[in-house]
Amino acid sequence: TGEVRNGYVIKALNMVSQPRDFRLSIEGLDGGAFTLAGSDDPATTETVISVDADRLREVKLYITAPGGGERREFDFILEEVTATGEPGERDVVEGVFYGPDR
């Protein structure tokens, strides 16, 4: 029965003295995809964000998912992208997606 859109703000803190890239993704929300606020890029389940040295970056995004249901849990995953391709820091935060029957 249509799609539902929820808005979120993700904060990424870079506590080192050089810029870093992080892969932001969502998992566990069937049919869900997001767009970054102010971006014309198509909806996706992952993107890379850059955070300047010793800075906090706030990223506003909108997740769209098929309508139906009241409350669905999913995960935001933020992983450091390293130059060598080796795994870097990783953080998983639970998110909640609210449907129209909130």
C-alpha atoms as a PDB file:
ATOM      1  CA  THR A   1       0.000   0.000   0.000  1.00  0.00           C
ATOM      2  CA  GLY A   2       2.463   2.626  -1.170  1.00  0.00           C
ATOM      3  CA  GLU A   3       5.714   3.672   0.409  1.00  0.00           C
ATOM      4  CA  VAL A   4       6.542   5.344   3.698  1.00  0.00           C
ATOM      5  CA  ARG A   5       9.460   7.715   4.322  1.00  0.00           C
ATOM      6  CA  ASN A   6      11.214   8.340   7.651  1.00  0.00           C
ATOM      7  CA  GLY A   7      13.980  10.881   8.317  1.00  0.00           C
ATOM      8  CA  TYR A   8      17.135  10.276  10.371  1.00  0.00           C
ATOM      9  CA  VAL A   9      20.297  12.135  11.347  1.00  0.00           C
ATOM     10  CA  ILE A  10      23.547  10.151  11.504  1.00  0.00           C
ATOM     11  CA  LYS A  11      26.561  11.614  13.310  1.00  0.00           C
ATOM     12  CA  ALA A  12      30.081  10.474  12.425  1.00  0.00           C
ATOM     13  CA  LEU A  13      32.943  11.675  14.616  1.00  0.00           C
ATOM     14  CA  ASN A  14      36.488  11.592  13.247  1.00  0.00           C
ATOM     15  CA  MET A  15      38.888  11.838  16.190  1.00  0.00           C
ATOM     16  CA  VAL A  16      42.112  11.563  14.190  1.00  0.00           C
ATOM     17  CA  SER A  17      44.195  14.308  12.563  1.00  0.00           C
ATOM     18  CA  GLN A  18      43.476  13.269   8.973  1.00  0.00           C
ATOM     19  CA  PRO A  19      40.282  13.067   6.904  1.00  0.00           C
ATOM     20  CA  ARG A  20      38.558   9.676   6.809  1.00  0.00           C
ATOM     21  CA  ASP A  21      35.900   8.031   4.666  1.00  0.00           C
ATOM     22  CA  PHE A  22      33.144   5.865   6.083  1.00  0.00           C
ATOM     23  CA  ARG A  23      30.708   3.533   4.346  1.00  0.00           C
ATOM     24  CA  LEU A  24      27.179   4.120   5.651  1.00  0.00           C
ATOM     25  CA  SER A  25      24.692   1.343   5.009  1.00  0.00           C
ATOM     26  CA  ILE A  26      21.397  -0.065   6.237  1.00  0.00           C
ATOM     27  CA  GLU A  27      20.558  -3.741   6.744  1.00  0.00           C
ATOM     28  CA  GLY A  28      17.466  -5.623   7.796  1.00  0.00           C
ATOM     29  CA  LEU A  29      14.771  -3.368   6.307  1.00  0.00           C
ATOM     30  CA  ASP A  30      13.189  -5.309   3.432  1.00  0.00           C
ATOM     31  CA  GLY A  31      12.731  -3.085   0.411  1.00  0.00           C
ATOM     32  CA  GLY A  32      14.296  -0.119   2.225  1.00  0.00           C
ATOM     33  CA  ALA A  33      16.665   2.371   0.605  1.00  0.00           C
ATOM     34  CA  PHE A  34      17.858   5.856   1.509  1.00  0.00           C
ATOM     35  CA  THR A  35      18.728   9.175  -0.055  1.00  0.00           C
ATOM     36  CA  LEU A  36      20.885  11.868   1.498  1.00  0.00           C
ATOM     37  CA  ALA A  37      19.093  15.150   2.112  1.00  0.00           C
ATOM     38  CA  GLY A  38      19.898  17.631  -0.650  1.00  0.00           C
ATOM     39  CA  SER A  39      21.233  14.951  -3.010  1.00  0.00           C
ATOM     40  CA  ASP A  40      19.851  14.052  -6.432  1.00  0.00           C
ATOM     41  CA  ASP A  41      21.486  10.610  -6.315  1.00  0.00           C
ATOM     42  CA  PRO A  42      19.141   7.614  -6.611  1.00  0.00           C
ATOM     43  CA  ALA A  43      18.074   5.737  -3.482  1.00  0.00           C
ATOM     44  CA  THR A  44      20.610   3.188  -2.255  1.00  0.00           C
ATOM     45  CA  THR A  45      21.391   0.919   0.683  1.00  0.00           C
ATOM     46  CA  GLU A  46      24.959   2.218   1.063  1.00  0.00           C
ATOM     47  CA  THR A  47      27.089   5.279   0.370  1.00  0.00           C
ATOM     48  CA  VAL A  48      30.465   6.692   1.371  1.00  0.00           C
ATOM     49  CA  ILE A  49      30.698   9.854   3.458  1.00  0.00           C
ATOM     50  CA  SER A  50      33.842  11.874   4.155  1.00  0.00           C
ATOM     51  CA  VAL A  51      34.604  13.368   7.552  1.00  0.00           C
ATOM     52  CA  ASP A  52      37.274  16.046   7.951  1.00  0.00           C
ATOM     53  CA  ALA A  53      40.055  15.666  10.532  1.00  0.00           C
ATOM     54  CA  ASP A  54      38.980  16.206  14.143  1.00  0.00           C
ATOM     55  CA  ARG A  55      35.395  16.921  13.093  1.00  0.00           C
ATOM     56  CA  LEU A  56      31.850  15.753  13.644  1.00  0.00           C
ATOM     57  CA  ARG A  57      29.717  15.363  10.534  1.00  0.00           C
ATOM     58  CA  GLU A  58      25.945  15.188  10.668  1.00  0.00           C
ATOM     59  CA  VAL A  59      24.244  13.529   7.715  1.00  0.00           C
ATOM     60  CA  LYS A  60      20.493  13.790   7.244  1.00  0.00           C
ATOM     61  CA  LEU A  61      18.930  10.984   5.262  1.00  0.00           C
ATOM     62  CA  TYR A  62      15.510   9.739   4.285  1.00  0.00           C
ATOM     63  CA  ILE A  63      14.701   6.038   4.240  1.00  0.00           C
ATOM     64  CA  THR A  64      11.847   4.883   2.035  1.00  0.00           C
ATOM     65  CA  ALA A  65      10.338   1.422   2.458  1.00  0.00           C
ATOM     66  CA  PRO A  66       7.156  -0.349   1.412  1.00  0.00           C
ATOM     67  CA  GLY A  67       4.173   0.707   3.527  1.00  0.00           C
ATOM     68  CA  GLY A  68       2.506  -1.617   5.950  1.00  0.00           C
ATOM     69  CA  GLY A  69       3.282  -2.609   9.450  1.00  0.00           C
ATOM     70  CA  GLU A  70       3.689  -0.408  12.421  1.00  0.00           C
ATOM     71  CA  ARG A  71       7.296  -0.649  13.564  1.00  0.00           C
ATOM     72  CA  ARG A  72      10.314  -2.380  11.996  1.00  0.00           C
ATOM     73  CA  GLU A  73      13.820  -2.606  13.379  1.00  0.00           C
ATOM     74  CA  PHE A  74      16.928  -2.425  11.182  1.00  0.00           C
ATOM     75  CA  ASP A  75      20.622  -1.560  11.514  1.00  0.00           C
ATOM     76  CA  PHE A  76      22.671   1.458  10.501  1.00  0.00           C
ATOM     77  CA  ILE A  77      26.259   0.351   9.826  1.00  0.00           C
ATOM     78  CA  LEU A  78      29.167   2.787   9.675  1.00  0.00           C
ATOM     79  CA  GLU A  79      32.497   1.270   8.555  1.00  0.00           C
ATOM     80  CA  GLU A  80      35.789   3.014   8.001  1.00  0.00           C
ATOM     81  CA  VAL A  81      37.044   2.790   4.406  1.00  0.00           C
ATOM     82  CA  THR A  82      40.810   2.233   4.546  1.00  0.00           C
ATOM     83  CA  ALA A  83      43.334   2.821   1.755  1.00  0.00           C
ATOM     84  CA  THR A  84      44.471  -0.818   1.959  1.00  0.00           C
ATOM     85  CA  GLY A  85      40.974  -2.267   1.841  1.00  0.00           C
ATOM     86  CA  GLU A  86      41.491  -3.841   5.253  1.00  0.00           C
ATOM     87  CA  PRO A  87      38.571  -3.582   7.684  1.00  0.00           C
ATOM     88  CA  GLY A  88      38.649  -0.422   9.764  1.00  0.00           C
ATOM     89  CA  GLU A  89      36.511   0.752  12.636  1.00  0.00           C
ATOM     90  CA  ARG A  90      32.912  -0.450  12.505  1.00  0.00           C
ATOM     91  CA  ASP A  91      29.834   0.591  14.430  1.00  0.00           C
ATOM     92  CA  VAL A  92      26.315  -0.837  14.269  1.00  0.00           C
ATOM     93  CA  VAL A  93      23.354   1.104  15.653  1.00  0.00           C
ATOM     94  CA  GLU A  94      19.794  -0.153  15.759  1.00  0.00           C
ATOM     95  CA  GLY A  95      17.225   1.980  13.986  1.00  0.00           C
ATOM     96  CA  VAL A  96      13.440   1.872  14.020  1.00  0.00           C
ATOM     97  CA  PHE A  97      11.289   2.461  10.939  1.00  0.00           C
ATOM     98  CA  TYR A  98       7.725   3.518  11.595  1.00  0.00           C
ATOM     99  CA  GLY A  99       4.938   2.656   9.177  1.00  0.00           C
ATOM    100  CA  PRO A 100       1.664   4.464   8.662  1.00  0.00           C
ATOM    101  CA  ASP A 101       0.024   2.663  11.595  1.00  0.00           C
ATOM    102  CA  ARG A 102       2.453   4.185  14.028  1.00  0.00           C
END
